[in-house]
C-alpha atoms as a PDB file:
ATOM      1  CA  MET A   1     -13.948   9.196  14.812  1.00  0.00           C
ATOM      2  CA  ASN A   2     -10.674  10.353  16.426  1.00  0.00           C
ATOM      3  CA  ASP A   3     -10.502   7.231  18.584  1.00  0.00           C
ATOM      4  CA  ALA A   4     -10.954   5.000  15.537  1.00  0.00           C
ATOM      5  CA  LEU A   5      -8.251   6.894  13.622  1.00  0.00           C
ATOM      6  CA  ASN A   6      -5.961   6.601  16.627  1.00  0.00           C
ATOM      7  CA  LEU A   7      -6.488   2.830  16.729  1.00  0.00           C
ATOM      8  CA  VAL A   8      -5.842   2.443  12.984  1.00  0.00           C
ATOM      9  CA  GLY A   9      -2.685   4.536  13.330  1.00  0.00           C
ATOM     10  CA  ARG A  10      -1.488   2.410  16.238  1.00  0.00           C
ATOM     11  CA  LEU A  11      -2.161  -0.751  14.237  1.00  0.00           C
ATOM     12  CA  LEU A  12      -0.244   0.539  11.216  1.00  0.00           C
ATOM     13  CA  ILE A  13       2.759   1.546  13.296  1.00  0.00           C
ATOM     14  CA  ALA A  14       2.645  -1.731  15.227  1.00  0.00           C
ATOM     15  CA  LEU A  15       2.678  -3.681  11.942  1.00  0.00           C
ATOM     16  CA  LEU A  16       6.145  -2.319  11.282  1.00  0.00           C
ATOM     17  CA  PHE A  17       7.431  -3.730  14.573  1.00  0.00           C
ATOM     18  CA  LEU A  18       5.548  -7.017  14.174  1.00  0.00           C
ATOM     19  CA  GLY A  19       7.141  -7.362  10.744  1.00  0.00           C
ATOM     20  CA  GLY A  20      10.524  -6.551  12.231  1.00  0.00           C
ATOM     21  CA  ALA A  21      10.092  -9.293  14.819  1.00  0.00           C
ATOM     22  CA  ALA A  22       9.059 -11.797  12.141  1.00  0.00           C
ATOM     23  CA  GLN A  23      11.993 -10.799   9.944  1.00  0.00           C
ATOM     24  CA  LYS A  24      14.492 -11.150  12.764  1.00  0.00           C
ATOM     25  CA  LEU A  25      13.083 -14.518  13.798  1.00  0.00           C
ATOM     26  CA  GLY A  26      12.872 -15.799  10.213  1.00  0.00           C
ATOM     27  CA  ASP A  27      16.254 -14.583   8.981  1.00  0.00           C
ATOM     28  CA  PRO A  28      18.383 -13.020  11.716  1.00  0.00           C
ATOM     29  CA  THR A  29      21.490 -12.628   9.522  1.00  0.00           C
ATOM     30  CA  PRO A  30      20.945  -9.040   8.252  1.00  0.00           C
ATOM     31  CA  VAL A  31      20.312  -7.704  11.755  1.00  0.00           C
ATOM     32  CA  SER A  32      23.109  -9.815  13.215  1.00  0.00           C
ATOM     33  CA  ASP A  33      25.456  -8.315  10.631  1.00  0.00           C
ATOM     34  CA  MET A  34      24.423  -4.776  11.592  1.00  0.00           C
ATOM     35  CA  ILE A  35      24.832  -5.588  15.277  1.00  0.00           C
ATOM     36  CA  ALA A  36      28.251  -7.128  14.658  1.00  0.00           C
ATOM     37  CA  SER A  37      29.325  -4.116  12.574  1.00  0.00           C
ATOM     38  CA  ILE A  38      29.452  -1.993  15.727  1.00  0.00           C
ATOM     39  CA  GLY A  39      31.048  -4.682  17.859  1.00  0.00           C
ATOM     40  CA  LEU A  40      28.007  -5.943  19.741  1.00  0.00           C
ATOM     41  CA  PRO A  41      27.359  -9.673  20.279  1.00  0.00           C
ATOM     42  CA  LEU A  42      25.276 -11.487  17.668  1.00  0.00           C
ATOM     43  CA  TRP A  43      22.926 -13.000  20.247  1.00  0.00           C
ATOM     44  CA  LEU A  44      21.375  -9.543  20.772  1.00  0.00           C
ATOM     45  CA  VAL A  45      19.198 -10.203  17.725  1.00  0.00           C
ATOM     46  CA  TRP A  46      16.953 -12.440  19.865  1.00  0.00           C
ATOM     47  CA  PRO A  47      16.141  -9.920  22.628  1.00  0.00           C
ATOM     48  CA  VAL A  48      15.627  -7.267  19.933  1.00  0.00           C
ATOM     49  CA  ALA A  49      13.149  -9.551  18.136  1.00  0.00           C
ATOM     50  CA  ALA A  50      11.321 -10.182  21.419  1.00  0.00           C
ATOM     51  CA  PHE A  51      11.284  -6.453  22.158  1.00  0.00           C
ATOM     52  CA  ASN A  52       9.814  -5.710  18.709  1.00  0.00           C
ATOM     53  CA  LEU A  53       7.036  -8.243  19.308  1.00  0.00           C
ATOM     54  CA  ILE A  54       6.208  -7.184  22.876  1.00  0.00           C
ATOM     55  CA  ALA A  55       6.362  -3.468  22.087  1.00  0.00           C
ATOM     56  CA  ALA A  56       4.098  -3.869  19.045  1.00  0.00           C
ATOM     57  CA  LEU A  57       1.522  -5.718  21.135  1.00  0.00           C
ATOM     58  CA  GLY A  58       1.830  -3.067  23.840  1.00  0.00           C
ATOM     59  CA  LEU A  59       1.201  -0.366  21.254  1.00  0.00           C
ATOM     60  CA  ILE A  60      -1.915  -2.145  19.999  1.00  0.00           C
ATOM     61  CA  PHE A  61      -3.479  -3.385  23.213  1.00  0.00           C
ATOM     62  CA  GLY A  62      -1.866  -1.411  26.001  1.00  0.00           C
ATOM     63  CA  PRO A  63      -1.850  -0.818  28.814  1.00  0.00           C
ATOM     64  CA  LYS A  64       0.544   2.086  28.909  1.00  0.00           C
ATOM     65  CA  VAL A  65       0.336   2.892  25.190  1.00  0.00           C
ATOM     66  CA  ARG A  66       1.964   6.269  25.858  1.00  0.00           C
ATOM     67  CA  THR A  67       4.925   4.596  27.527  1.00  0.00           C
ATOM     68  CA  TRP A  68       5.320   2.110  24.665  1.00  0.00           C
ATOM     69  CA  ALA A  69       5.102   4.970  22.162  1.00  0.00           C
ATOM     70  CA  LEU A  70       7.909   6.834  23.957  1.00  0.00           C
ATOM     71  CA  ILE A  71      10.073   3.725  24.214  1.00  0.00           C
ATOM     72  CA  LEU A  72       9.547   2.901  20.537  1.00  0.00           C
ATOM     73  CA  ALA A  73      10.288   6.494  19.517  1.00  0.00           C
ATOM     74  CA  ALA A  74      13.621   6.276  21.347  1.00  0.00           C
ATOM     75  CA  TYR A  75      14.250   2.870  19.760  1.00  0.00           C
ATOM     76  CA  CYS A  76      13.630   4.318  16.283  1.00  0.00           C
ATOM     77  CA  ILE A  77      16.045   7.181  16.894  1.00  0.00           C
ATOM     78  CA  PHE A  78      18.682   4.826  18.347  1.00  0.00           C
ATOM     79  CA  THR A  79      18.418   2.255  15.563  1.00  0.00           C
ATOM     80  CA  SER A  80      18.656   4.943  12.895  1.00  0.00           C
ATOM     81  CA  TYR A  81      22.373   4.967  13.716  1.00  0.00           C
ATOM     82  CA  PHE A  82      22.717   1.585  11.991  1.00  0.00           C
ATOM     83  CA  HIS A  83      21.340   3.046   8.772  1.00  0.00           C
ATOM     84  CA  TYR A  84      23.660   6.027   8.479  1.00  0.00           C
ATOM     85  CA  GLN A  85      25.728   4.659   5.625  1.00  0.00           C
ATOM     86  CA  LEU A  86      25.843   7.623   3.266  1.00  0.00           C
ATOM     87  CA  ARG A  87      28.809   6.449   1.222  1.00  0.00           C
ATOM     88  CA  ALA A  88      28.270   2.686   1.347  1.00  0.00           C
ATOM     89  CA  ASP A  89      24.524   2.601   0.682  1.00  0.00           C
ATOM     90  CA  PRO A  90      22.663   5.912   0.213  1.00  0.00           C
ATOM     91  CA  TRP A  91      19.285   4.133   0.428  1.00  0.00           C
ATOM     92  CA  GLN A  92      20.035   3.347   4.062  1.00  0.00           C
ATOM     93  CA  VAL A  93      19.844   7.087   4.753  1.00  0.00           C
ATOM     94  CA  THR A  94      16.239   6.997   3.531  1.00  0.00           C
ATOM     95  CA  ILE A  95      15.542   4.249   6.068  1.00  0.00           C
ATOM     96  CA  MET A  96      17.194   6.397   8.723  1.00  0.00           C
ATOM     97  CA  VAL A  97      14.915   9.339   7.921  1.00  0.00           C
ATOM     98  CA  LYS A  98      11.881   7.016   7.892  1.00  0.00           C
ATOM     99  CA  ASN A  99      12.883   5.911  11.392  1.00  0.00           C
ATOM    100  CA  TRP A 100      12.849   9.552  12.473  1.00  0.00           C
ATOM    101  CA  SER A 101       9.411  10.002  10.890  1.00  0.00           C
ATOM    102  CA  ILE A 102       8.056   6.954  12.694  1.00  0.00           C
ATOM    103  CA  ALA A 103       9.517   8.343  15.926  1.00  0.00           C
ATOM    104  CA  GLY A 104       7.663  11.588  15.224  1.00  0.00           C
ATOM    105  CA  GLY A 105       4.368   9.741  14.835  1.00  0.00           C
ATOM    106  CA  LEU A 106       5.035   7.826  18.032  1.00  0.00           C
ATOM    107  CA  LEU A 107       5.750  11.072  19.897  1.00  0.00           C
ATOM    108  CA  ILE A 108       2.420  12.466  18.671  1.00  0.00           C
ATOM    109  CA  LEU A 109       0.740   9.280  19.904  1.00  0.00           C
ATOM    110  CA  ALA A 110       2.467   9.662  23.273  1.00  0.00           C
ATOM    111  CA  ALA A 111       1.282  13.273  23.491  1.00  0.00           C
ATOM    112  CA  GLN A 112      -2.317  12.550  22.458  1.00  0.00           C
ATOM    113  CA  GLY A 113      -2.737   9.221  24.212  1.00  0.00           C
ATOM    114  CA  PRO A 114      -4.297   6.001  22.962  1.00  0.00           C
ATOM    115  CA  GLY A 115      -7.903   7.138  22.769  1.00  0.00           C
ATOM    116  CA  ARG A 116     -10.610   4.932  24.188  1.00  0.00           C
ATOM    117  CA  TYR A 117      -9.838   1.753  22.201  1.00  0.00           C
ATOM    118  CA  VAL A 118      -7.292   0.162  24.484  1.00  0.00           C
ATOM    119  CA  TRP A 119      -7.246  -2.657  27.033  1.00  0.00           C
ATOM    120  CA  ARG A 120      -6.753  -1.191  30.463  1.00  0.00           C
END
């Protein structure tokens, strides 16, 4: 039962990153605007979209699910910086805290491992 729960959890977390990749590929403007707001080049949206897709697939199928979980946890913490807009848009702070929560789940996954349902 634990292995099945682990797989479902990995799928649910991966859906977030798959959706992020689809969003960035379908309408890159919101992410490009966030990237530009801190002075980074707009073209970074494309490698970020690719990273979201590859990392999500790595989280689902492996190998190295623990490594992908750690990388994605760091990514969630890093990208939470873009959402710290307390005065401009308080709802963005909620997204920031959700990023931290997702990072927490990913750290638990990294600690516990992928279970037996993974391609090796």
